[in-house]
Amino acid sequence: TFSSYTMGWFRQAPGKEREFVAAISRSLGRTA
């Protein structure tokens, strides 16, 4: 069930480490 998961987006540029972009909670749509 998708709604059970907190979701995030990350990105990785060439030669760099993967970094956080955005995240959203399961409920209430809290974001970072």
PDB file of all heavy atoms in Angstrom:
ATOM      1  N   THR A   1       0.814  -1.199   0.000  1.00  0.00           N
ATOM      2  CA  THR A   1       0.000   0.000   0.000  1.00  0.00           C
ATOM      3  C   THR A   1       0.851   1.253   0.000  1.00  0.00           C
ATOM      4  O   THR A   1       1.608   1.509   0.928  1.00  0.00           O
ATOM      5  CB  THR A   1      -0.925  -0.001   1.222  1.00  0.00           C
ATOM      6  OG1 THR A   1      -1.663  -1.216   1.255  1.00  0.00           O
ATOM      7  CG2 THR A   1      -1.888   1.174   1.153  1.00  0.00           C
ATOM      8  N   PHE A   2       0.699   2.032  -1.043  1.00  0.00           N
ATOM      9  CA  PHE A   2       1.512   3.237  -1.230  1.00  0.00           C
ATOM     10  C   PHE A   2       1.329   4.205  -0.077  1.00  0.00           C
ATOM     11  O   PHE A   2       2.288   4.848   0.362  1.00  0.00           O
ATOM     12  CB  PHE A   2       1.124   3.885  -2.559  1.00  0.00           C
ATOM     13  CG  PHE A   2       1.800   5.185  -2.827  1.00  0.00           C
ATOM     14  CD1 PHE A   2       3.153   5.228  -3.142  1.00  0.00           C
ATOM     15  CD2 PHE A   2       1.095   6.380  -2.773  1.00  0.00           C
ATOM     16  CE1 PHE A   2       3.792   6.429  -3.404  1.00  0.00           C
ATOM     17  CE2 PHE A   2       1.721   7.583  -3.034  1.00  0.00           C
ATOM     18  CZ  PHE A   2       3.070   7.611  -3.347  1.00  0.00           C
ATOM     19  N   SER A   3       0.119   4.309   0.422  1.00  0.00           N
ATOM     20  CA  SER A   3      -0.158   5.283   1.480  1.00  0.00           C
ATOM     21  C   SER A   3       0.559   4.951   2.785  1.00  0.00           C
ATOM     22  O   SER A   3       0.576   5.764   3.705  1.00  0.00           O
ATOM     23  CB  SER A   3      -1.662   5.389   1.729  1.00  0.00           C
ATOM     24  OG  SER A   3      -2.188   4.132   2.102  1.00  0.00           O
ATOM     25  N   SER A   4       1.169   3.779   2.873  1.00  0.00           N
ATOM     26  CA  SER A   4       1.909   3.396   4.071  1.00  0.00           C
ATOM     27  C   SER A   4       3.302   4.015   4.117  1.00  0.00           C
ATOM     28  O   SER A   4       3.975   3.932   5.155  1.00  0.00           O
ATOM     29  CB  SER A   4       2.067   1.878   4.142  1.00  0.00           C
ATOM     30  OG  SER A   4       0.830   1.216   4.177  1.00  0.00           O
ATOM     31  N   TYR A   5       3.726   4.637   3.042  1.00  0.00           N
ATOM     32  CA  TYR A   5       5.118   5.054   2.913  1.00  0.00           C
ATOM     33  C   TYR A   5       5.309   6.559   2.970  1.00  0.00           C
ATOM     34  O   TYR A   5       4.562   7.327   2.342  1.00  0.00           O
ATOM     35  CB  TYR A   5       5.709   4.544   1.600  1.00  0.00           C
ATOM     36  CG  TYR A   5       5.837   3.041   1.567  1.00  0.00           C
ATOM     37  CD1 TYR A   5       4.825   2.255   1.041  1.00  0.00           C
ATOM     38  CD2 TYR A   5       6.957   2.423   2.098  1.00  0.00           C
ATOM     39  CE1 TYR A   5       4.933   0.883   1.034  1.00  0.00           C
ATOM     40  CE2 TYR A   5       7.081   1.049   2.085  1.00  0.00           C
ATOM     41  CZ  TYR A   5       6.060   0.288   1.554  1.00  0.00           C
ATOM     42  OH  TYR A   5       6.174  -1.078   1.554  1.00  0.00           O
ATOM     43  N   THR A   6       6.323   6.952   3.689  1.00  0.00           N
ATOM     44  CA  THR A   6       6.883   8.289   3.556  1.00  0.00           C
ATOM     45  C   THR A   6       7.738   8.283   2.298  1.00  0.00           C
ATOM     46  O   THR A   6       8.493   7.341   2.054  1.00  0.00           O
ATOM     47  CB  THR A   6       7.744   8.633   4.789  1.00  0.00           C
ATOM     48  OG1 THR A   6       6.899   8.710   5.938  1.00  0.00           O
ATOM     49  CG2 THR A   6       8.485   9.937   4.600  1.00  0.00           C
ATOM     50  N   MET A   7       7.630   9.335   1.489  1.00  0.00           N
ATOM     51  CA  MET A   7       8.296   9.370   0.201  1.00  0.00           C
ATOM     52  C   MET A   7       9.307  10.515   0.133  1.00  0.00           C
ATOM     53  O   MET A   7       9.106  11.572   0.745  1.00  0.00           O
ATOM     54  CB  MET A   7       7.269   9.544  -0.921  1.00  0.00           C
ATOM     55  CG  MET A   7       6.206   8.454  -0.968  1.00  0.00           C
ATOM     56  SD  MET A   7       6.879   6.818  -1.265  1.00  0.00           S
ATOM     57  CE  MET A   7       7.604   7.024  -2.894  1.00  0.00           C
ATOM     58  N   GLY A   8      10.355  10.274  -0.632  1.00  0.00           N
ATOM     59  CA  GLY A   8      11.372  11.303  -0.792  1.00  0.00           C
ATOM     60  C   GLY A   8      11.919  11.333  -2.201  1.00  0.00           C
ATOM     61  O   GLY A   8      11.804  10.364  -2.959  1.00  0.00           O
ATOM     62  N   TRP A   9      12.493  12.464  -2.558  1.00  0.00           N
ATOM     63  CA  TRP A   9      13.240  12.624  -3.803  1.00  0.00           C
ATOM     64  C   TRP A   9      14.674  13.005  -3.445  1.00  0.00           C
ATOM     65  O   TRP A   9      14.905  13.877  -2.584  1.00  0.00           O
ATOM     66  CB  TRP A   9      12.639  13.719  -4.679  1.00  0.00           C
ATOM     67  CG  TRP A   9      11.385  13.339  -5.395  1.00  0.00           C
ATOM     68  CD1 TRP A   9      10.100  13.606  -5.008  1.00  0.00           C
ATOM     69  CD2 TRP A   9      11.290  12.643  -6.642  1.00  0.00           C
ATOM     70  NE1 TRP A   9       9.214  13.099  -5.926  1.00  0.00           N
ATOM     71  CE2 TRP A   9       9.917  12.512  -6.944  1.00  0.00           C
ATOM     72  CE3 TRP A   9      12.225  12.104  -7.530  1.00  0.00           C
ATOM     73  CZ2 TRP A   9       9.464  11.873  -8.100  1.00  0.00           C
ATOM     74  CZ3 TRP A   9      11.776  11.473  -8.671  1.00  0.00           C
ATOM     75  CH2 TRP A   9      10.415  11.359  -8.947  1.00  0.00           C
ATOM     76  N   PHE A  10      15.606  12.368  -4.121  1.00  0.00           N
ATOM     77  CA  PHE A  10      17.023  12.674  -3.989  1.00  0.00           C
ATOM     78  C   PHE A  10      17.586  12.872  -5.390  1.00  0.00           C
ATOM     79  O   PHE A  10      16.943  12.512  -6.382  1.00  0.00           O
ATOM     80  CB  PHE A  10      17.757  11.518  -3.289  1.00  0.00           C
ATOM     81  CG  PHE A  10      17.421  11.378  -1.827  1.00  0.00           C
ATOM     82  CD1 PHE A  10      16.211  10.838  -1.424  1.00  0.00           C
ATOM     83  CD2 PHE A  10      18.311  11.799  -0.858  1.00  0.00           C
ATOM     84  CE1 PHE A  10      15.883  10.718  -0.077  1.00  0.00           C
ATOM     85  CE2 PHE A  10      18.014  11.682   0.490  1.00  0.00           C
ATOM     86  CZ  PHE A  10      16.800  11.143   0.871  1.00  0.00           C
ATOM     87  N   ARG A  11      18.788  13.427  -5.463  1.00  0.00           N
ATOM     88  CA  ARG A  11      19.431  13.572  -6.758  1.00  0.00           C
ATOM     89  C   ARG A  11      20.931  13.385  -6.617  1.00  0.00           C
ATOM     90  O   ARG A  11      21.504  13.617  -5.547  1.00  0.00           O
ATOM     91  CB  ARG A  11      19.113  14.936  -7.382  1.00  0.00           C
ATOM     92  CG  ARG A  11      19.707  16.129  -6.640  1.00  0.00           C
ATOM     93  CD  ARG A  11      19.211  17.421  -7.258  1.00  0.00           C
ATOM     94  NE  ARG A  11      19.798  18.590  -6.592  1.00  0.00           N
ATOM     95  CZ  ARG A  11      19.446  19.849  -6.868  1.00  0.00           C
ATOM     96  NH1 ARG A  11      18.514  20.096  -7.769  1.00  0.00           N
ATOM     97  NH2 ARG A  11      20.033  20.837  -6.223  1.00  0.00           N
ATOM     98  N   GLN A  12      21.529  12.976  -7.726  1.00  0.00           N
ATOM     99  CA  GLN A  12      22.977  12.792  -7.750  1.00  0.00           C
ATOM    100  C   GLN A  12      23.533  13.365  -9.034  1.00  0.00           C
ATOM    101  O   GLN A  12      23.208  12.888 -10.128  1.00  0.00           O
ATOM    102  CB  GLN A  12      23.346  11.315  -7.628  1.00  0.00           C
ATOM    103  CG  GLN A  12      24.838  11.078  -7.482  1.00  0.00           C
ATOM    104  CD  GLN A  12      25.153   9.657  -7.069  1.00  0.00           C
ATOM    105  OE1 GLN A  12      24.356   8.735  -7.251  1.00  0.00           O
ATOM    106  NE2 GLN A  12      26.334   9.454  -6.498  1.00  0.00           N
ATOM    107  N   ALA A  13      24.351  14.381  -8.896  1.00  0.00           N
ATOM    108  CA  ALA A  13      25.024  15.005 -10.035  1.00  0.00           C
ATOM    109  C   ALA A  13      26.334  14.267 -10.306  1.00  0.00           C
ATOM    110  O   ALA A  13      26.881  13.626  -9.398  1.00  0.00           O
ATOM    111  CB  ALA A  13      25.288  16.471  -9.736  1.00  0.00           C
ATOM    112  N   PRO A  14      26.849  14.373 -11.514  1.00  0.00           N
ATOM    113  CA  PRO A  14      28.100  13.693 -11.846  1.00  0.00           C
ATOM    114  C   PRO A  14      29.227  14.088 -10.890  1.00  0.00           C
ATOM    115  O   PRO A  14      29.445  15.275 -10.635  1.00  0.00           O
ATOM    116  CB  PRO A  14      28.389  14.156 -13.264  1.00  0.00           C
ATOM    117  CG  PRO A  14      27.055  14.499 -13.828  1.00  0.00           C
ATOM    118  CD  PRO A  14      26.272  15.063 -12.684  1.00  0.00           C
ATOM    119  N   GLY A  15      29.899  13.089 -10.346  1.00  0.00           N
ATOM    120  CA  GLY A  15      31.020  13.345  -9.462  1.00  0.00           C
ATOM    121  C   GLY A  15      30.654  13.791  -8.067  1.00  0.00           C
ATOM    122  O   GLY A  15      31.535  14.130  -7.269  1.00  0.00           O
ATOM    123  N   LYS A  16      29.359  13.784  -7.751  1.00  0.00           N
ATOM    124  CA  LYS A  16      28.924  14.239  -6.426  1.00  0.00           C
ATOM    125  C   LYS A  16      28.135  13.134  -5.730  1.00  0.00           C
ATOM    126  O   LYS A  16      27.668  12.191  -6.345  1.00  0.00           O
ATOM    127  CB  LYS A  16      28.066  15.500  -6.548  1.00  0.00           C
ATOM    128  CG  LYS A  16      28.820  16.706  -7.081  1.00  0.00           C
ATOM    129  CD  LYS A  16      27.965  17.954  -6.997  1.00  0.00           C
ATOM    130  CE  LYS A  16      28.743  19.175  -7.458  1.00  0.00           C
ATOM    131  NZ  LYS A  16      27.929  20.419  -7.365  1.00  0.00           N
ATOM    132  N   GLU A  17      27.992  13.294  -4.422  1.00  0.00           N
ATOM    133  CA  GLU A  17      27.204  12.334  -3.661  1.00  0.00           C
ATOM    134  C   GLU A  17      25.710  12.614  -3.867  1.00  0.00           C
ATOM    135  O   GLU A  17      25.302  13.733  -4.191  1.00  0.00           O
ATOM    136  CB  GLU A  17      27.559  12.436  -2.173  1.00  0.00           C
ATOM    137  CG  GLU A  17      28.974  11.995  -1.858  1.00  0.00           C
ATOM    138  CD  GLU A  17      29.250  11.966  -0.367  1.00  0.00           C
ATOM    139  OE1 GLU A  17      28.416  12.474   0.400  1.00  0.00           O
ATOM    140  OE2 GLU A  17      30.306  11.445   0.015  1.00  0.00           O
ATOM    141  N   ARG A  18      24.928  11.587  -3.619  1.00  0.00           N
ATOM    142  CA  ARG A  18      23.480  11.750  -3.703  1.00  0.00           C
ATOM    143  C   ARG A  18      23.027  12.673  -2.575  1.00  0.00           C
ATOM    144  O   ARG A  18      23.495  12.552  -1.430  1.00  0.00           O
ATOM    145  CB  ARG A  18      22.792  10.396  -3.619  1.00  0.00           C
ATOM    146  CG  ARG A  18      21.329  10.434  -3.962  1.00  0.00           C
ATOM    147  CD  ARG A  18      20.819   9.102  -4.517  1.00  0.00           C
ATOM    148  NE  ARG A  18      21.100   7.954  -3.697  1.00  0.00           N
ATOM    149  CZ  ARG A  18      20.776   6.713  -4.041  1.00  0.00           C
ATOM    150  NH1 ARG A  18      20.163   6.479  -5.196  1.00  0.00           N
ATOM    151  NH2 ARG A  18      21.044   5.716  -3.242  1.00  0.00           N
ATOM    152  N   GLU A  19      22.101  13.593  -2.910  1.00  0.00           N
ATOM    153  CA  GLU A  19      21.642  14.567  -1.933  1.00  0.00           C
ATOM    154  C   GLU A  19      20.123  14.616  -1.886  1.00  0.00           C
ATOM    155  O   GLU A  19      19.439  14.335  -2.859  1.00  0.00           O
ATOM    156  CB  GLU A  19      22.187  15.955  -2.259  1.00  0.00           C
ATOM    157  CG  GLU A  19      21.687  16.538  -3.566  1.00  0.00           C
ATOM    158  CD  GLU A  19      22.188  17.964  -3.807  1.00  0.00           C
ATOM    159  OE1 GLU A  19      23.031  18.453  -3.032  1.00  0.00           O
ATOM    160  OE2 GLU A  19      21.715  18.589  -4.772  1.00  0.00           O
ATOM    161  N   PHE A  20      19.641  15.021  -0.720  1.00  0.00           N
ATOM    162  CA  PHE A  20      18.219  15.162  -0.491  1.00  0.00           C
ATOM    163  C   PHE A  20      17.655  16.327  -1.290  1.00  0.00           C
ATOM    164  O   PHE A  20      18.282  17.388  -1.414  1.00  0.00           O
ATOM    165  CB  PHE A  20      17.971  15.385   1.008  1.00  0.00           C
ATOM    166  CG  PHE A  20      16.581  15.791   1.359  1.00  0.00           C
ATOM    167  CD1 PHE A  20      15.547  14.867   1.326  1.00  0.00           C
ATOM    168  CD2 PHE A  20      16.294  17.096   1.725  1.00  0.00           C
ATOM    169  CE1 PHE A  20      14.263  15.242   1.643  1.00  0.00           C
ATOM    170  CE2 PHE A  20      15.017  17.479   2.050  1.00  0.00           C
ATOM    171  CZ  PHE A  20      13.995  16.548   2.013  1.00  0.00           C
ATOM    172  N   VAL A  21      16.422  16.132  -1.805  1.00  0.00           N
ATOM    173  CA  VAL A  21      15.726  17.200  -2.521  1.00  0.00           C
ATOM    174  C   VAL A  21      14.439  17.571  -1.792  1.00  0.00           C
ATOM    175  O   VAL A  21      14.219  18.733  -1.448  1.00  0.00           O
ATOM    176  CB  VAL A  21      15.412  16.803  -3.969  1.00  0.00           C
ATOM    177  CG1 VAL A  21      14.617  17.904  -4.664  1.00  0.00           C
ATOM    178  CG2 VAL A  21      16.700  16.493  -4.732  1.00  0.00           C
ATOM    179  N   ALA A  22      13.571  16.579  -1.561  1.00  0.00           N
ATOM    180  CA  ALA A  22      12.275  16.856  -0.947  1.00  0.00           C
ATOM    181  C   ALA A  22      11.702  15.569  -0.374  1.00  0.00           C
ATOM    182  O   ALA A  22      12.078  14.471  -0.785  1.00  0.00           O
ATOM    183  CB  ALA A  22      11.304  17.447  -1.973  1.00  0.00           C
ATOM    184  N   ALA A  23      10.788  15.723   0.587  1.00  0.00           N
ATOM    185  CA  ALA A  23      10.127  14.569   1.189  1.00  0.00           C
ATOM    186  C   ALA A  23       8.709  14.941   1.575  1.00  0.00           C
ATOM    187  O   ALA A  23       8.403  16.123   1.804  1.00  0.00           O
ATOM    188  CB  ALA A  23      10.892  14.082   2.413  1.00  0.00           C
ATOM    189  N   ILE A  24       7.846  13.923   1.653  1.00  0.00           N
ATOM    190  CA  ILE A  24       6.458  14.147   2.023  1.00  0.00           C
ATOM    191  C   ILE A  24       6.001  13.009   2.931  1.00  0.00           C
ATOM    192  O   ILE A  24       6.341  11.845   2.718  1.00  0.00           O
ATOM    193  CB  ILE A  24       5.563  14.273   0.770  1.00  0.00           C
ATOM    194  CG1 ILE A  24       4.146  14.703   1.152  1.00  0.00           C
ATOM    195  CG2 ILE A  24       5.560  12.988  -0.050  1.00  0.00           C
ATOM    196  CD1 ILE A  24       3.325  15.178  -0.041  1.00  0.00           C
ATOM    197  N   SER A  25       5.226  13.350   3.950  1.00  0.00           N
ATOM    198  CA  SER A  25       4.771  12.372   4.930  1.00  0.00           C
ATOM    199  C   SER A  25       3.642  11.517   4.375  1.00  0.00           C
ATOM    200  O   SER A  25       3.056  11.806   3.333  1.00  0.00           O
ATOM    201  CB  SER A  25       4.295  13.097   6.193  1.00  0.00           C
ATOM    202  OG  SER A  25       3.176  13.921   5.894  1.00  0.00           O
ATOM    203  N   ARG A  26       3.327  10.468   5.133  1.00  0.00           N
ATOM    204  CA  ARG A  26       2.206   9.603   4.765  1.00  0.00           C
ATOM    205  C   ARG A  26       0.893  10.363   4.832  1.00  0.00           C
ATOM    206  O   ARG A  26       0.044  10.223   3.953  1.00  0.00           O
ATOM    207  CB  ARG A  26       2.135   8.426   5.730  1.00  0.00           C
ATOM    208  CG  ARG A  26       3.142   7.356   5.537  1.00  0.00           C
ATOM    209  CD  ARG A  26       3.056   6.335   6.644  1.00  0.00           C
ATOM    210  NE  ARG A  26       1.720   5.797   6.814  1.00  0.00           N
ATOM    211  CZ  ARG A  26       1.379   4.975   7.780  1.00  0.00           C
ATOM    212  NH1 ARG A  26       2.274   4.599   8.680  1.00  0.00           N
ATOM    213  NH2 ARG A  26       0.152   4.515   7.878  1.00  0.00           N
ATOM    214  N   SER A  27       0.718  11.115   5.907  1.00  0.00           N
ATOM    215  CA  SER A  27      -0.547  11.804   6.149  1.00  0.00           C
ATOM    216  C   SER A  27      -0.323  13.301   6.322  1.00  0.00           C
ATOM    217  O   SER A  27       0.767  13.736   6.677  1.00  0.00           O
ATOM    218  CB  SER A  27      -1.220  11.253   7.404  1.00  0.00           C
ATOM    219  OG  SER A  27      -1.560   9.905   7.244  1.00  0.00           O
ATOM    220  N   LEU A  28      -1.357  14.048   6.070  1.00  0.00           N
ATOM    221  CA  LEU A  28      -1.380  15.509   6.232  1.00  0.00           C
ATOM    222  C   LEU A  28      -0.476  16.238   5.253  1.00  0.00           C
ATOM    223  O   LEU A  28      -0.451  17.471   5.267  1.00  0.00           O
ATOM    224  CB  LEU A  28      -0.995  15.927   7.655  1.00  0.00           C
ATOM    225  CG  LEU A  28      -1.997  15.605   8.760  1.00  0.00           C
ATOM    226  CD1 LEU A  28      -1.541  16.226  10.071  1.00  0.00           C
ATOM    227  CD2 LEU A  28      -3.383  16.115   8.399  1.00  0.00           C
ATOM    228  N   GLY A  29       0.256  15.518   4.428  1.00  0.00           N
ATOM    229  CA  GLY A  29       1.076  16.162   3.414  1.00  0.00           C
ATOM    230  C   GLY A  29       2.173  17.041   3.970  1.00  0.00           C
ATOM    231  O   GLY A  29       2.529  18.055   3.352  1.00  0.00           O
ATOM    232  N   ARG A  30       2.724  16.676   5.119  1.00  0.00           N
ATOM    233  CA  ARG A  30       3.875  17.444   5.619  1.00  0.00           C
ATOM    234  C   ARG A  30       5.042  17.268   4.658  1.00  0.00           C
ATOM    235  O   ARG A  30       5.278  16.179   4.145  1.00  0.00           O
ATOM    236  CB  ARG A  30       4.266  16.946   7.010  1.00  0.00           C
ATOM    237  CG  ARG A  30       3.327  17.370   8.114  1.00  0.00           C
ATOM    238  CD  ARG A  30       3.921  16.988   9.452  1.00  0.00           C
ATOM    239  NE  ARG A  30       5.182  17.674   9.686  1.00  0.00           N
ATOM    240  CZ  ARG A  30       6.087  17.299  10.581  1.00  0.00           C
ATOM    241  NH1 ARG A  30       5.884  16.216  11.320  1.00  0.00           N
ATOM    242  NH2 ARG A  30       7.190  17.966  10.759  1.00  0.00           N
ATOM    243  N   THR A  31       5.758  18.366   4.424  1.00  0.00           N
ATOM    244  CA  THR A  31       6.841  18.331   3.445  1.00  0.00           C
ATOM    245  C   THR A  31       8.132  18.917   4.014  1.00  0.00           C
ATOM    246  O   THR A  31       8.115  19.658   5.007  1.00  0.00           O
ATOM    247  CB  THR A  31       6.472  19.119   2.181  1.00  0.00           C
ATOM    248  OG1 THR A  31       6.154  20.473   2.546  1.00  0.00           O
ATOM    249  CG2 THR A  31       5.270  18.500   1.475  1.00  0.00           C
ATOM    250  N   ALA A  32       9.222  18.564   3.368  1.00  0.00           N
ATOM    251  CA  ALA A  32      10.529  19.136   3.683  1.00  0.00           C
ATOM    252  C   ALA A  32      11.283  19.311   2.375  1.00  0.00           C
ATOM    253  O   ALA A  32      11.112  18.507   1.447  1.00  0.00           O
ATOM    254  CB  ALA A  32      11.310  18.235   4.630  1.00  0.00           C
TER     255      ALA A  32
END
